[in-house]
Amino acid sequence: MSPSDAAGPSARRPLLTLDFDGVICRPPFGLNVGIHRAFLDPAATPIPARVYPRWLNAALDHLRFDLRASMPGVREALAALRTVRRLVIVTGRRTPPTAWLRRHHLDGLVEEVVVNDTALKSPHFKREALRALAADEHVDDDPRTAQLLAQASSTRVFLCDWPRNRGLAYDARIERVRDLRDLARRLTDPRGAPEA
């Protein structure tokens, strides 16, 4: 019996969506420069993203992402989380990280990978994807995405700690976690939860 089977039917477990880069996949040299510190107005019309042709996105993503390592302890964290949550990756990437997940032996730990195939930039794409999936919880590393989700959805939002996302005036509904291991401890062990 697999850990997910032991947790009961997947329909009874809450859906946790996970950002990919900075949460599962480690940025180059451990420097998360892709974090955006300027918050978005949740009532404003989203500015369209610059979307390259699919063939160019595939080549660029291969160069940008394929050699990156996984975050420390991510396999164990995902294995623990899937005993209490359904797991779906929702990434702003334009191409699926299927080969990367397989190479790091993580492909069997998530139900699905949702990539950004829209004209929206990552934060607004994630807001719409989480709405369509009816996600209960989401974990991200980007301040503007976390803030937008907290202000414009009912999804419980976790923010993985990075130096570049510290010191901002976040919505009170955003819960900071050190990393995916910390989130797994909080969600799988009642003693791992922060004190109220």
Protein backbone atom coordinates (compact mmCIF):
# COMPACT_ATOMS: atom_id res chain seq x y z
CA MET A 1 0.00 0.00 0.00
CA SER A 2 1.43 3.40 -1.00
CA PRO A 3 1.49 6.38 1.41
CA SER A 4 -1.22 8.09 -0.63
CA ASP A 5 -3.41 4.96 -0.37
CA ALA A 6 -2.88 4.89 3.39
CA ALA A 7 -4.18 8.45 3.60
CA GLY A 8 -7.49 7.41 2.05
CA PRO A 9 -9.13 8.37 -1.23
CA SER A 10 -7.53 11.40 -2.84
CA ALA A 11 -10.89 13.19 -3.02
CA ARG A 12 -10.86 13.54 0.79
CA ARG A 13 -7.40 15.08 0.94
CA PRO A 14 -7.02 18.84 0.40
CA LEU A 15 -5.33 19.95 -2.82
CA LEU A 16 -1.94 21.60 -2.29
CA THR A 17 -0.47 23.28 -5.36
CA LEU A 18 3.26 23.89 -5.52
CA ASP A 19 5.29 26.43 -7.41
CA PHE A 20 8.27 24.79 -9.07
CA ASP A 21 11.30 27.10 -9.19
CA GLY A 22 12.49 28.17 -5.74
CA VAL A 23 10.22 25.61 -4.05
CA ILE A 24 11.13 22.28 -5.70
CA CYS A 25 13.89 23.23 -8.14
CA ARG A 26 16.93 25.10 -6.79
CA PRO A 27 17.89 28.38 -8.51
CA PRO A 28 21.41 28.62 -9.98
CA PHE A 29 24.07 29.07 -7.30
CA GLY A 30 21.26 29.15 -4.71
CA LEU A 31 20.47 32.77 -5.65
CA ASN A 32 16.78 33.31 -6.23
CA VAL A 33 16.95 36.43 -8.39
CA GLY A 34 13.60 35.68 -10.04
CA ILE A 35 11.73 36.93 -6.98
CA HIS A 36 9.69 40.09 -7.58
CA ARG A 37 9.28 42.39 -4.58
CA ALA A 38 6.71 44.81 -6.07
CA PHE A 39 3.14 43.77 -5.25
CA LEU A 40 0.35 43.75 -7.83
CA ASP A 41 -3.02 45.45 -7.51
CA PRO A 42 -5.53 42.56 -7.39
CA ALA A 43 -8.22 44.78 -8.94
CA ALA A 44 -6.07 45.91 -11.90
CA THR A 45 -6.33 44.33 -15.33
CA PRO A 46 -3.38 41.94 -15.80
CA ILE A 47 -0.66 43.11 -18.18
CA PRO A 48 -0.12 40.47 -20.89
CA ALA A 49 3.10 38.48 -20.80
CA ARG A 50 5.60 38.44 -23.63
CA VAL A 51 5.20 34.90 -24.91
CA TYR A 52 7.80 33.44 -27.26
CA PRO A 53 6.99 30.76 -29.83
CA ARG A 54 6.73 27.28 -28.33
CA TRP A 55 9.90 26.04 -30.12
CA LEU A 56 11.90 28.92 -28.65
CA ASN A 57 10.44 28.45 -25.16
CA ALA A 58 11.45 24.79 -25.22
CA ALA A 59 15.05 25.64 -26.17
CA LEU A 60 15.31 28.50 -23.66
CA ASP A 61 13.81 26.47 -20.82
CA HIS A 62 16.21 23.60 -21.59
CA LEU A 63 19.19 25.97 -21.28
CA ARG A 64 17.83 27.81 -18.23
CA PHE A 65 16.53 24.94 -16.14
CA ASP A 66 17.72 21.43 -17.00
CA LEU A 67 20.99 21.47 -15.06
CA ARG A 68 19.52 22.84 -11.83
CA ALA A 69 19.52 20.74 -8.68
CA SER A 70 16.52 20.02 -6.51
CA MET A 71 15.99 21.88 -3.25
CA PRO A 72 17.43 20.04 -0.22
CA GLY A 73 15.13 17.33 1.12
CA VAL A 74 12.45 17.92 -1.49
CA ARG A 75 11.86 14.24 -2.29
CA GLU A 76 11.26 13.36 1.35
CA ALA A 77 9.07 16.45 1.82
CA LEU A 78 6.91 15.62 -1.20
CA ALA A 79 6.60 11.99 -0.08
CA ALA A 80 5.42 13.16 3.36
CA LEU A 81 3.06 15.78 1.95
CA ARG A 82 1.36 13.35 -0.40
CA THR A 83 0.22 11.29 2.59
CA VAL A 84 -2.01 14.20 3.69
CA ARG A 85 -2.52 16.25 0.51
CA ARG A 86 -3.10 15.83 -3.18
CA LEU A 87 -0.12 17.48 -4.92
CA VAL A 88 -0.17 19.42 -8.20
CA ILE A 89 2.67 21.57 -9.51
CA VAL A 90 1.54 24.91 -10.94
CA THR A 91 4.44 26.65 -12.64
CA GLY A 92 4.86 29.87 -14.56
CA ARG A 93 7.19 27.98 -16.90
CA ARG A 94 5.99 27.68 -20.48
CA THR A 95 7.19 24.08 -20.91
CA PRO A 96 6.66 21.09 -18.61
CA PRO A 97 9.62 20.04 -16.43
CA THR A 98 8.84 16.37 -17.05
CA ALA A 99 12.41 15.22 -17.78
CA TRP A 100 13.78 17.20 -14.81
CA LEU A 101 11.22 15.60 -12.46
CA ARG A 102 12.04 12.13 -13.81
CA ARG A 103 15.82 12.72 -13.51
CA HIS A 104 15.38 13.72 -9.84
CA HIS A 105 12.97 10.82 -9.13
CA LEU A 106 10.12 13.20 -8.27
CA ASP A 107 7.73 12.43 -11.14
CA GLY A 108 5.66 9.88 -9.23
CA LEU A 109 5.09 12.16 -6.25
CA VAL A 110 2.70 14.64 -7.90
CA GLU A 111 -0.62 14.05 -9.65
CA GLU A 112 -0.17 16.64 -12.37
CA VAL A 113 1.98 19.48 -13.65
CA VAL A 114 0.20 22.59 -14.91
CA VAL A 115 2.32 24.94 -17.04
CA ASN A 116 1.54 28.47 -18.14
CA ASP A 117 0.11 28.16 -21.64
CA THR A 118 -1.76 31.46 -21.36
CA ALA A 119 -1.02 35.07 -22.27
CA LEU A 120 -0.87 35.90 -18.54
CA LYS A 121 2.22 36.56 -16.47
CA SER A 122 2.96 33.98 -13.78
CA PRO A 123 1.08 35.53 -10.78
CA HIS A 124 -2.19 36.00 -12.68
CA PHE A 125 -1.83 32.64 -14.42
CA LYS A 126 -1.43 30.96 -11.02
CA ARG A 127 -4.46 32.80 -9.63
CA GLU A 128 -6.58 31.50 -12.52
CA ALA A 129 -5.07 27.99 -12.40
CA LEU A 130 -5.69 27.68 -8.66
CA ARG A 131 -9.26 28.85 -9.15
CA ALA A 132 -9.83 26.27 -11.92
CA LEU A 133 -8.26 23.50 -9.81
CA ALA A 134 -10.15 24.61 -6.67
CA ALA A 135 -6.85 24.49 -4.77
CA ASP A 136 -7.12 24.56 -1.00
CA GLU A 137 -3.48 25.58 -0.44
CA HIS A 138 -0.54 26.87 -2.45
CA VAL A 139 3.17 27.22 -1.70
CA ASP A 140 5.30 29.75 -3.59
CA ASP A 141 8.53 31.68 -3.20
CA ASP A 142 7.51 34.86 -5.02
CA PRO A 143 6.16 37.74 -2.90
CA ARG A 144 3.97 39.27 -5.59
CA THR A 145 2.38 35.90 -6.38
CA ALA A 146 1.78 35.07 -2.70
CA GLN A 147 0.33 38.52 -2.05
CA LEU A 148 -1.97 38.38 -5.09
CA LEU A 149 -3.24 34.92 -4.13
CA ALA A 150 -3.84 35.96 -0.51
CA GLN A 151 -5.74 39.08 -1.58
CA ALA A 152 -7.69 37.68 -4.53
CA SER A 153 -8.50 34.09 -3.61
CA SER A 154 -9.61 31.92 -0.72
CA THR A 155 -6.56 29.66 -1.10
CA ARG A 156 -4.36 29.27 1.98
CA VAL A 157 -0.94 30.61 0.96
CA PHE A 158 2.50 29.51 2.20
CA LEU A 159 5.64 31.46 1.30
CA CYS A 160 9.02 29.68 1.23
CA ASP A 161 11.67 31.82 2.86
CA TRP A 162 14.34 33.41 0.69
CA PRO A 163 16.46 36.47 1.54
CA ARG A 164 14.85 38.43 -1.32
CA ASN A 165 11.31 37.88 -0.04
CA ARG A 166 11.96 39.10 3.51
CA GLY A 167 11.02 42.47 4.99
CA LEU A 168 7.82 43.14 3.02
CA ALA A 169 4.40 44.08 4.38
CA TYR A 170 2.54 40.87 3.55
CA ASP A 171 -1.14 40.14 3.85
CA ALA A 172 -1.75 38.54 7.26
CA ARG A 173 -3.08 35.37 5.58
CA ILE A 174 0.35 34.48 4.15
CA GLU A 175 2.16 31.87 6.22
CA ARG A 176 5.96 31.85 5.95
CA VAL A 177 7.74 28.48 5.95
CA ARG A 178 11.48 27.84 5.79
CA ASP A 179 11.15 25.40 2.89
CA LEU A 180 9.11 22.42 1.72
CA ARG A 181 10.50 20.28 4.56
CA ASP A 182 9.16 22.79 7.09
CA LEU A 183 5.77 22.80 5.36
CA ALA A 184 5.70 18.99 5.41
CA ARG A 185 6.40 19.00 9.16
CA ARG A 186 3.60 21.51 9.76
CA LEU A 187 1.02 19.67 7.69
CA THR A 188 1.86 16.10 8.67
CA ASP A 189 2.71 16.49 12.38
CA PRO A 190 0.36 18.43 14.65
CA ARG A 191 3.38 19.24 16.85
CA GLY A 192 5.11 20.73 13.78
CA ALA A 193 2.50 23.46 13.46
CA PRO A 194 3.45 26.93 14.68
CA GLU A 195 1.90 28.06 17.93
CA ALA A 196 -1.17 30.24 17.55
